[in-house]
N, C-alpha and C. Protein backbone atom coordinates (compact mmCIF):
# COMPACT_ATOMS: atom_id res chain seq x y z
N UNK A 1 0.15 -1.27 0.13
CA UNK A 1 -0.05 -0.29 0.31
C UNK A 1 0.81 1.54 0.14
N UNK A 2 0.57 2.52 -0.92
CA UNK A 2 1.12 3.12 -1.22
C UNK A 2 0.77 4.14 -0.80
N UNK A 3 1.00 5.26 -0.16
CA UNK A 3 0.77 5.97 1.20
C UNK A 3 1.05 7.07 0.25
N UNK A 4 0.34 8.74 -0.40
CA UNK A 4 1.07 9.99 -0.50
C UNK A 4 -0.50 11.07 0.49
N UNK A 5 0.26 12.41 0.36
CA UNK A 5 -0.19 13.52 1.06
C UNK A 5 0.11 14.43 0.56
N UNK A 6 -1.61 14.84 0.10
CA UNK A 6 -1.76 16.35 -0.61
C UNK A 6 -2.70 17.02 -0.31
N UNK A 7 -2.60 18.55 -0.16
CA UNK A 7 -3.49 19.31 -0.89
C UNK A 7 -5.12 19.21 -1.10
N UNK A 8 -5.55 19.14 -0.73
CA UNK A 8 -7.16 18.91 -0.94
C UNK A 8 -7.28 19.51 -1.76
N UNK A 9 -8.18 19.02 -2.57
CA UNK A 9 -8.97 19.97 -4.24
C UNK A 9 -10.35 19.85 -4.39
N UNK A 10 -10.99 19.98 -5.59
CA UNK A 10 -12.61 20.16 -4.82
C UNK A 10 -12.96 19.36 -5.34
N UNK A 11 -12.70 18.43 -6.44
CA UNK A 11 -12.60 16.68 -7.01
C UNK A 11 -13.24 16.24 -5.10
N UNK A 12 -12.15 16.62 -4.44
CA UNK A 12 -11.82 15.13 -3.16
C UNK A 12 -13.59 15.78 -2.25
N UNK A 13 -14.20 16.95 -2.52
CA UNK A 13 -14.89 17.44 -1.23
C UNK A 13 -16.08 16.24 -0.40
N UNK A 14 -16.81 15.88 -1.90
CA UNK A 14 -17.27 14.84 -0.99
C UNK A 14 -17.18 13.83 -0.80
N UNK A 15 -15.51 13.44 -1.18
CA UNK A 15 -15.13 11.79 -0.43
C UNK A 15 -15.16 12.41 1.20
N UNK A 16 -14.37 13.26 1.04
CA UNK A 16 -13.87 14.00 2.90
C UNK A 16 -15.02 14.22 3.18
N UNK A 17 -16.28 14.52 3.16
CA UNK A 17 -17.73 14.98 3.56
C UNK A 17 -18.05 13.12 3.73
N UNK A 18 -18.02 11.89 2.86
CA UNK A 18 -18.46 10.72 3.26
C UNK A 18 -17.22 10.23 4.37
N UNK A 19 -16.57 10.00 4.35
CA UNK A 19 -14.94 9.94 5.36
C UNK A 19 -15.73 10.76 6.41
N UNK A 20 -15.58 12.11 6.63
CA UNK A 20 -15.94 12.62 7.99
C UNK A 20 -17.71 12.59 8.99
N UNK A 21 -18.50 12.61 8.19
CA UNK A 21 -19.37 11.93 8.55
C UNK A 21 -19.48 10.80 9.56
N UNK A 22 -18.92 9.68 8.45
CA UNK A 22 -19.18 8.66 8.96
C UNK A 22 -18.17 8.02 10.13
N UNK A 23 -16.71 8.73 10.60
CA UNK A 23 -15.91 9.34 11.59
C UNK A 23 -16.42 10.23 12.62
N UNK A 24 -16.89 10.34 12.27
CA UNK A 24 -17.45 11.73 13.07
C UNK A 24 -18.28 10.98 14.28
N UNK A 25 -18.99 10.00 13.23
CA UNK A 25 -20.81 9.94 13.83
C UNK A 25 -19.73 8.40 14.55
N UNK A 26 -19.37 7.60 14.40
CA UNK A 26 -18.38 7.09 15.37
C UNK A 26 -17.68 7.40 16.75
N UNK A 27 -17.14 8.45 16.31
CA UNK A 27 -16.28 8.85 17.46
C UNK A 27 -17.22 9.97 18.34
N UNK A 28 -18.55 10.07 18.22
CA UNK A 28 -19.54 10.62 18.79
C UNK A 28 -20.50 10.89 19.31
N UNK A 29 -21.70 9.70 19.17
CA UNK A 29 -22.98 9.02 19.29
C UNK A 29 -22.73 8.84 20.64
N UNK A 30 -22.99 9.31 21.55
CA UNK A 30 -23.43 8.92 22.69
C UNK A 30 -22.62 9.88 23.77
N UNK A 31 -21.43 10.92 23.35
CA UNK A 31 -21.01 11.10 23.79
C UNK A 31 -20.64 12.81 24.02
N UNK A 32 -21.39 13.37 23.23
CA UNK A 32 -21.65 14.76 22.94
C UNK A 32 -23.47 14.87 23.50
N UNK A 33 -23.57 16.42 23.31
CA UNK A 33 -25.09 16.58 23.39
C UNK A 33 -25.56 16.69 22.44
N UNK A 34 -26.92 15.89 22.31
CA UNK A 34 -28.01 15.73 20.84
C UNK A 34 -28.27 16.76 20.44
N UNK A 35 -28.01 17.99 21.08
CA UNK A 35 -28.61 19.02 19.44
C UNK A 35 -26.99 18.74 19.17
N UNK A 36 -26.19 19.01 19.16
CA UNK A 36 -24.90 18.90 18.39
C UNK A 36 -24.97 17.65 17.25
N UNK A 37 -25.90 16.22 17.98
CA UNK A 37 -25.98 15.10 17.23
C UNK A 37 -27.09 15.83 15.88
N UNK A 38 -28.12 16.64 15.87
CA UNK A 38 -29.00 16.80 14.89
C UNK A 38 -28.70 18.12 14.10
N UNK A 39 -27.71 19.34 15.09
CA UNK A 39 -27.18 19.71 13.65
C UNK A 39 -26.44 19.67 13.02
N UNK A 40 -25.67 18.77 12.83
CA UNK A 40 -24.65 17.52 12.66
C UNK A 40 -25.35 17.08 11.29
N UNK A 41 -25.73 17.49 10.18
CA UNK A 41 -26.41 16.57 9.29
C UNK A 41 -25.51 16.54 8.10
N UNK A 42 -25.86 15.43 7.18
CA UNK A 42 -24.96 15.15 6.01
C UNK A 42 -24.90 15.97 5.18
N UNK A 43 -25.63 17.03 4.95
CA UNK A 43 -25.37 18.80 4.09
C UNK A 43 -24.32 19.46 4.73
N UNK A 44 -24.15 19.47 6.03
CA UNK A 44 -23.35 20.16 7.32
C UNK A 44 -21.71 19.91 6.84
N UNK A 45 -21.84 18.39 6.64
CA UNK A 45 -20.46 17.90 6.62
C UNK A 45 -20.14 18.07 5.45
N UNK A 46 -20.90 18.18 4.01
CA UNK A 46 -20.33 18.46 2.98
C UNK A 46 -20.14 20.38 2.48
N UNK A 47 -21.29 20.87 3.09
CA UNK A 47 -20.83 21.89 3.65
C UNK A 47 -19.17 22.39 3.80
N UNK A 48 -19.03 22.33 5.22
CA UNK A 48 -18.34 22.07 5.70
C UNK A 48 -16.49 21.74 5.02
N UNK A 49 -16.64 20.60 4.92
CA UNK A 49 -15.47 20.07 3.55
C UNK A 49 -15.04 20.73 2.90
N UNK A 50 -16.42 21.78 2.15
CA UNK A 50 -16.02 22.55 0.78
C UNK A 50 -14.76 23.87 1.28
N UNK A 51 -15.62 24.13 2.10
CA UNK A 51 -15.06 25.44 2.86
C UNK A 51 -14.11 25.10 3.60
N UNK A 52 -13.64 24.08 4.37
CA UNK A 52 -12.14 23.96 4.74
C UNK A 52 -11.03 23.70 3.59
N UNK A 53 -11.55 23.18 2.44
CA UNK A 53 -10.54 22.95 1.17
C UNK A 53 -9.50 22.98 1.18
N UNK A 54 -9.49 24.87 1.37
CA UNK A 54 -7.78 25.23 1.19
C UNK A 54 -7.14 24.97 2.31
N UNK A 55 -6.91 24.42 4.20
CA UNK A 55 -7.17 23.95 4.87
C UNK A 55 -6.70 22.29 5.22
N UNK A 56 -7.15 21.79 3.89
CA UNK A 56 -7.20 20.08 4.15
C UNK A 56 -6.14 19.71 3.29
N UNK A 57 -5.81 19.00 3.74
CA UNK A 57 -4.65 17.35 3.39
C UNK A 57 -5.44 16.10 3.34
N UNK A 58 -5.09 15.84 2.45
CA UNK A 58 -5.74 14.49 1.99
C UNK A 58 -4.90 13.27 2.09
N UNK A 59 -5.04 12.00 2.02
CA UNK A 59 -4.00 11.09 2.34
C UNK A 59 -4.76 10.42 1.26
N UNK A 60 -4.02 9.52 0.20
CA UNK A 60 -4.28 9.07 -0.91
C UNK A 60 -3.66 7.57 -0.90
N UNK A 61 -4.43 6.20 -1.41
CA UNK A 61 -3.92 5.01 -1.48
C UNK A 61 -4.78 4.61 -2.76
N UNK A 62 -3.60 4.31 -3.54
CA UNK A 62 -4.32 4.29 -4.73
C UNK A 62 -5.10 4.92 -5.65
N UNK A 63 -4.45 6.14 -5.75
CA UNK A 63 -5.09 7.27 -5.59
C UNK A 63 -6.82 8.04 -5.31
N UNK A 64 -6.75 6.70 -4.12
CA UNK A 64 -8.25 7.11 -2.95
C UNK A 64 -8.09 7.92 -2.10
N UNK A 65 -9.07 8.36 -1.95
CA UNK A 65 -8.91 9.74 -0.68
C UNK A 65 -9.49 8.75 0.35
N UNK A 66 -8.39 8.43 1.41
CA UNK A 66 -8.57 7.48 2.68
C UNK A 66 -8.19 8.13 3.42
N UNK A 67 -8.35 9.38 3.95
CA UNK A 67 -8.44 10.16 5.10
C UNK A 67 -8.11 11.50 4.91
N UNK A 68 -7.97 12.32 6.34
CA UNK A 68 -7.65 13.99 5.60
C UNK A 68 -7.65 14.59 7.00
N UNK A 69 -7.00 15.72 7.01
CA UNK A 69 -6.43 16.39 8.73
C UNK A 69 -7.13 17.68 7.87
N UNK A 70 -7.42 18.50 8.65
CA UNK A 70 -7.74 19.79 8.64
C UNK A 70 -6.85 20.80 9.88
N UNK A 71 -6.19 21.53 8.96
CA UNK A 71 -5.70 22.41 9.86
C UNK A 71 -6.10 23.94 10.07
N UNK A 72 -6.30 24.87 11.42
CA UNK A 72 -6.88 25.92 11.75
C UNK A 72 -6.03 26.43 12.09
N UNK A 73 -5.27 27.22 11.72
CA UNK A 73 -3.84 28.04 12.79
C UNK A 73 -2.99 27.97 14.02
N UNK A 74 -3.40 27.17 15.10
CA UNK A 74 -2.43 26.02 15.89
C UNK A 74 -3.35 25.42 15.74
N UNK A 75 -4.54 24.70 15.51
CA UNK A 75 -5.13 23.81 15.83
C UNK A 75 -5.34 22.71 14.46
N UNK A 76 -5.43 21.38 15.04
CA UNK A 76 -5.62 20.28 14.56
C UNK A 76 -7.09 20.48 14.60
N UNK A 77 -8.27 20.50 13.56
CA UNK A 77 -9.30 20.88 13.87
C UNK A 77 -10.25 19.63 13.55
N UNK A 78 -9.51 19.04 12.25
CA UNK A 78 -10.09 17.50 12.13
C UNK A 78 -9.54 16.71 11.88
N UNK A 79 -9.89 15.58 11.99
CA UNK A 79 -8.73 13.86 11.18
C UNK A 79 -9.04 13.15 11.49
N UNK A 80 -9.44 12.04 9.79
CA UNK A 80 -10.68 11.04 9.89
C UNK A 80 -9.75 10.51 8.98
N UNK A 81 -9.79 9.01 9.17
CA UNK A 81 -9.43 8.56 7.90
C UNK A 81 -10.96 7.18 8.07
N UNK A 82 -10.99 7.19 6.48
CA UNK A 82 -12.11 6.06 6.08
C UNK A 82 -11.64 4.54 7.17
N UNK A 83 -12.76 4.29 7.44
CA UNK A 83 -12.95 2.77 8.40
C UNK A 83 -12.40 1.50 7.97
N UNK A 84 -12.51 1.65 5.90
CA UNK A 84 -11.18 0.83 5.88
C UNK A 84 -10.53 0.27 5.85
N UNK A 85 -9.36 1.55 6.22
CA UNK A 85 -8.41 2.30 6.37
C UNK A 85 -7.66 2.31 7.70
N UNK A 86 -8.26 1.87 8.64
CA UNK A 86 -8.38 2.36 9.96
C UNK A 86 -6.54 1.72 10.52
N UNK A 87 -6.23 2.15 11.16
CA UNK A 87 -4.72 1.12 12.23
C UNK A 87 -4.71 0.57 10.99
N UNK A 88 -4.20 1.49 9.77
CA UNK A 88 -3.05 1.27 8.75
C UNK A 88 -1.93 2.08 8.48
N UNK A 89 -1.36 3.27 9.48
CA UNK A 89 -0.51 4.48 9.66
C UNK A 89 -0.86 5.44 9.02
N UNK A 90 -2.14 4.79 8.70
CA UNK A 90 -2.99 6.94 7.64
C UNK A 90 -2.92 7.69 9.15
N UNK A 91 -3.71 7.86 9.87
CA UNK A 91 -4.31 8.73 10.59
C UNK A 91 -2.96 9.27 11.12
N UNK A 92 -1.53 8.35 11.57
CA UNK A 92 -0.18 9.01 12.13
C UNK A 92 0.27 9.86 11.13
N UNK A 93 -0.06 9.06 9.47
CA UNK A 93 1.23 10.14 8.59
C UNK A 93 0.15 11.37 8.13
N UNK A 94 -1.55 11.58 8.14
CA UNK A 94 -2.18 12.94 8.64
C UNK A 94 -1.53 13.50 9.24
N UNK A 95 -1.49 12.93 10.66
CA UNK A 95 -1.35 14.05 12.26
C UNK A 95 -0.39 14.39 11.71
N UNK A 96 1.19 14.19 11.32
CA UNK A 96 1.97 14.45 11.32
C UNK A 96 2.06 15.79 9.63
N UNK A 97 1.15 15.10 9.09
CA UNK A 97 1.36 16.57 7.97
C UNK A 97 0.94 17.50 8.55
N UNK A 98 -0.04 17.76 9.71
CA UNK A 98 -1.07 18.32 10.02
C UNK A 98 0.27 19.26 11.20
N UNK A 99 0.92 18.83 11.90
CA UNK A 99 1.80 19.65 12.61
C UNK A 99 2.64 19.69 11.92
N UNK A 100 3.79 19.22 10.83
CA UNK A 100 4.48 20.30 9.85
C UNK A 100 3.78 21.63 8.91
N UNK A 101 2.41 21.67 9.35
CA UNK A 101 1.94 22.63 8.48
C UNK A 101 1.89 23.52 9.96
N UNK A 102 1.61 23.26 11.26
CA UNK A 102 1.36 24.14 12.13
C UNK A 102 2.98 25.26 12.35
N UNK A 103 3.96 24.08 12.25
CA UNK A 103 4.72 24.26 12.92
C UNK A 103 5.20 25.36 11.27
N UNK A 104 5.18 24.81 10.17
CA UNK A 104 5.33 25.79 9.24
C UNK A 104 5.10 27.24 9.57
N UNK A 105 3.74 27.28 9.56
CA UNK A 105 2.98 28.88 9.96
C UNK A 105 3.43 29.79 11.34
N UNK A 106 4.88 28.91 11.71
CA UNK A 106 5.18 29.79 13.06
C UNK A 106 4.98 29.85 14.17
N UNK A 107 4.05 28.43 14.42
CA UNK A 107 3.87 28.22 16.18
C UNK A 107 4.89 27.20 16.41
N UNK A 108 5.01 27.31 17.87
CA UNK A 108 5.78 26.74 18.39
C UNK A 108 4.88 25.21 18.93
N UNK A 109 3.65 25.23 19.22
CA UNK A 109 2.81 23.80 20.02
C UNK A 109 1.66 23.93 18.50
N UNK A 110 1.21 22.73 19.20
CA UNK A 110 -0.28 23.15 18.22
C UNK A 110 -1.41 22.03 19.55
N UNK A 111 -2.56 22.27 18.59
CA UNK A 111 -3.62 21.75 20.77
C UNK A 111 -4.63 21.34 19.24
N UNK A 112 -5.22 20.50 20.44
CA UNK A 112 -6.65 19.79 19.36
C UNK A 112 -7.51 19.01 20.39
N UNK A 113 -8.67 18.71 20.42
CA UNK A 113 -9.39 18.46 21.02
C UNK A 113 -10.41 16.97 20.95
N UNK A 114 -10.29 16.41 21.82
CA UNK A 114 -11.23 15.24 21.65
C UNK A 114 -12.01 15.20 22.65
N UNK A 115 -12.99 14.78 22.24
CA UNK A 115 -14.84 14.82 22.68
C UNK A 115 -14.11 13.78 24.00
N UNK A 116 -15.19 13.62 25.08
CA UNK A 116 -14.66 13.56 26.33
C UNK A 116 -15.38 11.51 26.16
N UNK A 117 -14.77 10.52 26.24
CA UNK A 117 -15.15 8.89 26.01
C UNK A 117 -14.40 8.49 24.95
N UNK A 118 -13.76 9.19 24.12
CA UNK A 118 -13.24 9.56 23.10
C UNK A 118 -11.71 8.17 23.65
N UNK A 119 -12.31 7.16 24.16
CA UNK A 119 -10.69 6.68 24.19
C UNK A 119 -9.48 6.31 22.87
N UNK A 120 -9.90 5.88 22.26
CA UNK A 120 -9.54 5.62 20.77
C UNK A 120 -9.23 6.38 20.48
N UNK A 121 -8.98 7.24 20.24
CA UNK A 121 -8.49 8.42 20.10
C UNK A 121 -7.49 8.97 20.76
N UNK A 122 -7.92 9.33 21.97
CA UNK A 122 -7.17 9.63 23.40
C UNK A 122 -6.07 8.96 23.54
N UNK A 123 -5.49 6.85 22.74
CA UNK A 123 -4.59 6.77 22.78
C UNK A 123 -3.81 6.98 21.55
N UNK A 124 -4.44 7.06 20.09
CA UNK A 124 -3.70 7.30 18.99
C UNK A 124 -2.87 8.61 19.58
N UNK A 125 -3.82 9.75 20.28
CA UNK A 125 -3.19 11.09 20.58
C UNK A 125 -1.51 10.28 21.25
N UNK A 126 -2.00 9.97 22.93
CA UNK A 126 -0.91 9.73 23.46
C UNK A 126 0.36 8.76 23.07
N UNK A 127 -0.04 8.08 21.94
CA UNK A 127 1.40 7.14 21.13
C UNK A 127 2.19 8.29 20.18
N UNK A 128 1.14 8.86 19.79
CA UNK A 128 1.94 9.96 18.89
C UNK A 128 2.60 11.29 19.59
N UNK A 129 2.72 11.27 20.68
CA UNK A 129 3.55 12.31 20.94
C UNK A 129 2.81 13.68 21.81
N UNK A 130 2.03 13.86 21.96
CA UNK A 130 0.43 14.42 22.01
C UNK A 130 0.32 14.36 23.64
N UNK A 131 0.28 15.55 24.45
CA UNK A 131 -0.23 15.74 26.00
C UNK A 131 -1.73 16.08 26.50
N UNK A 132 -1.95 15.02 27.31
CA UNK A 132 -3.19 15.31 27.52
C UNK A 132 -3.52 16.96 28.95
N UNK A 133 -3.98 17.82 28.52
CA UNK A 133 -3.74 18.86 29.16
C UNK A 133 -5.14 18.64 29.91
N UNK A 134 -5.38 17.92 29.50
CA UNK A 134 -7.17 17.85 30.86
C UNK A 134 -8.77 18.84 30.37
N UNK A 135 -9.54 18.88 30.73
CA UNK A 135 -10.81 19.10 30.27
C UNK A 135 -10.76 20.53 30.20
N UNK A 136 -11.87 20.23 29.01
CA UNK A 136 -12.34 22.17 28.43
C UNK A 136 -13.28 21.39 27.76
N UNK A 137 -13.80 22.94 27.27
CA UNK A 137 -15.38 23.07 26.56
C UNK A 137 -15.23 23.31 25.69
N UNK A 138 -15.11 22.52 24.47
CA UNK A 138 -15.27 23.03 22.97
C UNK A 138 -16.72 23.71 22.59
N UNK A 139 -15.79 25.18 21.92
CA UNK A 139 -17.11 25.82 21.43
C UNK A 139 -17.94 25.32 20.14
N UNK A 140 -18.62 23.94 19.74
CA UNK A 140 -19.13 23.81 17.87
C UNK A 140 -19.65 24.64 18.20
N UNK A 141 -19.05 25.12 16.48
CA UNK A 141 -20.23 26.74 15.86
C UNK A 141 -21.15 24.97 15.29
N UNK A 142 -22.69 25.45 14.82
CA UNK A 142 -23.39 25.34 14.48
C UNK A 142 -24.82 26.39 13.82
N UNK A 143 -25.24 25.83 12.45
CA UNK A 143 -25.56 27.17 11.91
C UNK A 143 -26.02 28.52 12.46
N UNK A 144 -26.69 28.46 14.42
CA UNK A 144 -27.31 29.41 14.83
C UNK A 144 -26.71 29.49 16.01
N UNK A 145 -25.51 29.41 16.14
CA UNK A 145 -24.65 29.30 17.20
C UNK A 145 -23.53 28.70 17.72
N UNK A 146 -23.55 28.15 18.90
CA UNK A 146 -22.11 27.04 19.61
C UNK A 146 -23.28 26.20 19.95
N UNK A 147 -22.79 25.38 20.59
CA UNK A 147 -22.94 24.16 21.44
C UNK A 147 -21.89 24.01 22.41
N UNK A 148 -21.50 24.05 23.45
CA UNK A 148 -21.05 23.90 24.07
C UNK A 148 -20.47 22.31 24.72
N UNK A 149 -19.22 21.09 24.16
CA UNK A 149 -19.15 20.48 24.19
C UNK A 149 -18.13 20.06 25.10
N UNK A 150 -18.43 19.29 26.29
CA UNK A 150 -16.79 18.45 27.24
C UNK A 150 -15.98 17.80 26.37
N UNK A 151 -14.97 18.17 26.66
CA UNK A 151 -13.87 17.46 25.55
C UNK A 151 -12.47 17.24 26.78
N UNK A 152 -11.60 16.49 26.34
CA UNK A 152 -9.53 16.55 26.80
C UNK A 152 -9.40 17.59 25.65
N UNK A 153 -8.22 18.71 26.27
CA UNK A 153 -7.37 19.07 25.46
C UNK A 153 -6.14 18.28 25.03
N UNK A 154 -5.38 18.54 23.77
CA UNK A 154 -4.49 17.94 23.50
C UNK A 154 -3.47 18.89 23.69
N UNK A 155 -1.79 19.05 23.46
CA UNK A 155 -0.79 19.31 23.25
C UNK A 155 0.80 18.78 22.39
N UNK A 156 0.74 19.43 21.85
CA UNK A 156 2.07 19.52 21.34
C UNK A 156 3.30 19.80 21.64
N UNK A 157 3.78 20.04 21.98
CA UNK A 157 4.88 21.48 21.69
C UNK A 157 6.35 20.55 20.10
N UNK A 158 6.51 22.18 19.80
CA UNK A 158 7.66 21.33 18.23
C UNK A 158 9.29 22.04 18.80
N UNK A 159 10.18 21.34 18.64
CA UNK A 159 11.48 21.88 18.80
C UNK A 159 12.54 22.58 17.40
N UNK A 160 11.86 23.80 18.37
CA UNK A 160 12.58 24.48 17.14
C UNK A 160 13.68 24.91 17.28
N UNK A 161 14.26 23.55 18.18
CA UNK A 161 15.59 24.53 17.35
C UNK A 161 16.61 23.72 16.26
């Protein structure tokens, strides 16, 4: 299996939205407020995938999008891998791509949010050198405001030498 990482293009948007919606539901059902579940429709994943294209990198396996990472300033905002490719190392490669983008933008550290109760994600970030900084409330943007979501804040400092 050959994995390559590149910046997302318009033609990737629908595939990104499909991976995102499936992965998001796997990670968030039963862990976030019901109002957020209702707000995250298929249409919102498609819209957000298109809006985020300029700050998205995709992982390709045999020229098919198998996962993606979205970076906003110093935040790894989203990272998801298609269910058929989980456990293949793609997530680690995407995370490194996100870290590099953040460091290249001049930040000395990065952060991300993990929804409370998502132990699989927490183990992944621990294995990849991220530090659990504790509980915090993530303010998830929705169409008519924000919804507070209990999360864990993870950080990673970069070696700037």
